[in-house]
């Protein structure tokens, strides 16, 4: 639920303005329909935020769960 909330917040904040993501324009070239460019850029940034959250969650799980069996 937290991942969905963060993703929706990032997407809505970036797509709502209609101007798109300025720094992304020089990094990624979008082909095809250009009228929905702000939405496509916002979706890309929201997906990158999700990937970052997955990486943080994986690292937290790897550090929190002990390795091996407990000593008897």
Protein backbone atom coordinates (compact mmCIF):
# COMPACT_ATOMS: atom_id res chain seq x y z
CA UNK A 1 0.00 0.00 0.00
CA UNK A 2 2.87 2.36 0.77
CA UNK A 3 4.46 1.72 -2.63
CA UNK A 4 1.21 2.46 -4.42
CA UNK A 5 0.75 5.67 -2.44
CA UNK A 6 4.27 6.88 -3.21
CA UNK A 7 3.95 5.96 -6.89
CA UNK A 8 0.57 7.67 -7.24
CA UNK A 9 1.83 10.78 -5.45
CA UNK A 10 4.90 11.09 -7.66
CA UNK A 11 2.88 10.49 -10.82
CA UNK A 12 0.10 12.93 -9.88
CA UNK A 13 2.53 15.65 -8.82
CA UNK A 14 4.48 15.46 -12.08
CA UNK A 15 1.63 14.83 -14.52
CA UNK A 16 -0.72 17.35 -12.95
CA UNK A 17 1.31 20.38 -13.99
CA UNK A 18 1.29 19.43 -17.65
CA UNK A 19 4.81 20.74 -18.18
CA UNK A 20 6.55 17.40 -17.86
CA UNK A 21 9.90 16.70 -16.29
CA UNK A 22 12.43 19.17 -17.66
CA UNK A 23 15.62 17.26 -16.75
CA UNK A 24 14.30 14.09 -18.38
CA UNK A 25 13.92 15.73 -21.78
CA UNK A 26 17.69 15.70 -22.41
CA UNK A 27 18.15 12.15 -21.13
CA UNK A 28 15.40 10.16 -22.87
CA UNK A 29 14.03 10.75 -26.36
CA UNK A 30 10.37 9.90 -26.72
CA UNK A 31 9.11 8.81 -30.14
CA UNK A 32 5.54 8.67 -31.35
CA UNK A 33 2.66 10.66 -29.90
CA UNK A 34 3.90 13.89 -28.32
CA UNK A 35 0.64 15.24 -26.87
CA UNK A 36 0.89 12.90 -23.87
CA UNK A 37 4.58 13.54 -23.21
CA UNK A 38 4.06 14.89 -19.67
CA UNK A 39 2.13 11.77 -18.68
CA UNK A 40 4.77 9.47 -20.17
CA UNK A 41 7.56 11.31 -18.35
CA UNK A 42 5.64 11.27 -15.06
CA UNK A 43 5.05 7.52 -15.42
CA UNK A 44 8.75 6.92 -16.05
CA UNK A 45 9.78 8.86 -12.95
CA UNK A 46 7.12 7.08 -10.85
CA UNK A 47 8.44 3.72 -12.06
CA UNK A 48 11.99 4.77 -11.13
CA UNK A 49 10.72 5.66 -7.65
CA UNK A 50 9.18 2.18 -7.39
CA UNK A 51 12.45 0.53 -8.41
CA UNK A 52 14.28 2.57 -5.76
CA UNK A 53 11.76 1.51 -3.10
CA UNK A 54 12.13 -2.16 -4.11
CA UNK A 55 15.92 -1.88 -3.83
CA UNK A 56 15.62 -0.28 -0.37
CA UNK A 57 13.17 -2.95 0.78
CA UNK A 58 15.43 -5.73 -0.49
CA UNK A 59 18.43 -4.26 1.34
CA UNK A 60 16.42 -3.86 4.54
CA UNK A 61 15.22 -7.46 4.37
CA UNK A 62 18.73 -8.74 3.66
CA UNK A 63 20.10 -6.88 6.67
CA UNK A 64 17.24 -7.68 9.07
CA UNK A 65 16.84 -11.44 8.52
CA UNK A 66 19.62 -13.49 10.16
CA UNK A 67 21.51 -15.96 8.02
CA UNK A 68 21.58 -19.67 8.72
CA UNK A 69 19.99 -21.65 11.49
CA UNK A 70 20.16 -20.67 15.13
CA UNK A 71 22.72 -22.55 17.23
CA UNK A 72 21.23 -25.40 19.28
